[in-house]
Amino acid sequence: MSGASSRVVAILEVLSGPDGGELTAQEVVDRAGLPVSTGYRILTELQDLGLVHRGAGRRILANFSFERRLHCPGFDPKELADACADLSECLTSAAEIVVLSGHNMLWHIVQQHPKQAIRLRAYPGFTRGAYELDSISRLALAHRSFEVLEKSWDTGAFYTPGVDRRSLDWAEAREMIAAVDPDDMQYDMMGNAKGTRRYCVAIHGSDGKMVCLLTVAEAATPLREEAQHVANVRAHLMARKSKIESAFSDPAQTG
């Protein structure tokens, strides 16, 4: 990324952060780590384009939405696309990269196989609330502390996946999340209300924090050799998880 582009992105990320709308121009520039003249010039250009305006107390208000879906310096996102393509081909299923964005699950990559038994309605950029405690929500929320969940989430809004949707009280939801092993695969054999069964693993960066979820999605139809099928999917997902995470610790592997 050019120096000019990186400076604009720095401003956009500050304005889209948790304190967006509460900062003066000087505070925005300071947090972006830019020289005063450069920061003010970028803010003026954004204002001329109608992307920001000044509110009460001369606070800078953003008129746009900007979010980095994946943030892991030194990692090549192409590794994730390759993983999805390989999984889809090997398992004749869809493979996805999903991230937790606020209180939503956001689909970043969707690789569908032409011969898979079900077509997904999810697409890159598709979002869905994380309050449905299916495999992907449970695994994502297992990476959040209960202190954060109890402070920032509506703990009475969780519900079970599938066609027999049932509201969960916080004690039930908390127990389901606590039962998740963040390093293992999660899945819902019965699938969701749309007839899709998802298996997923969490991809962790070198700091141990979750970067995204890697999933395999298939039709939630009965399986003749269920245990063998689940073991096969787990083997493929865990192998890809290991390969991707090893690239975080050894950037040379990303090429």
Foldseek 3Di string as FASTA:
>chain_A
DDPLVLLLVLLVPLCQDPCNQVAAQVRSCVSSVHDSVSSVVSLVVCVVVVQWDADPPNGIHGPDHDDDLFDAPLADCVLLVVLQVVLCVVVVFKKWWWGCDQQKIATQCIGHHPRAPDDDPHHHGDIDGLLAPFQFSLLNCLLPDVVCCVVRHDLQRHWYFAPPIDTDHNVVVVVSSPPDDLQAKGWDLQAGNVQKIKIWHFAAAPVRHTRTIMITIHGSDDDPCVVVVVVVSRVSRNVSSVVSRVCRVPVVVND
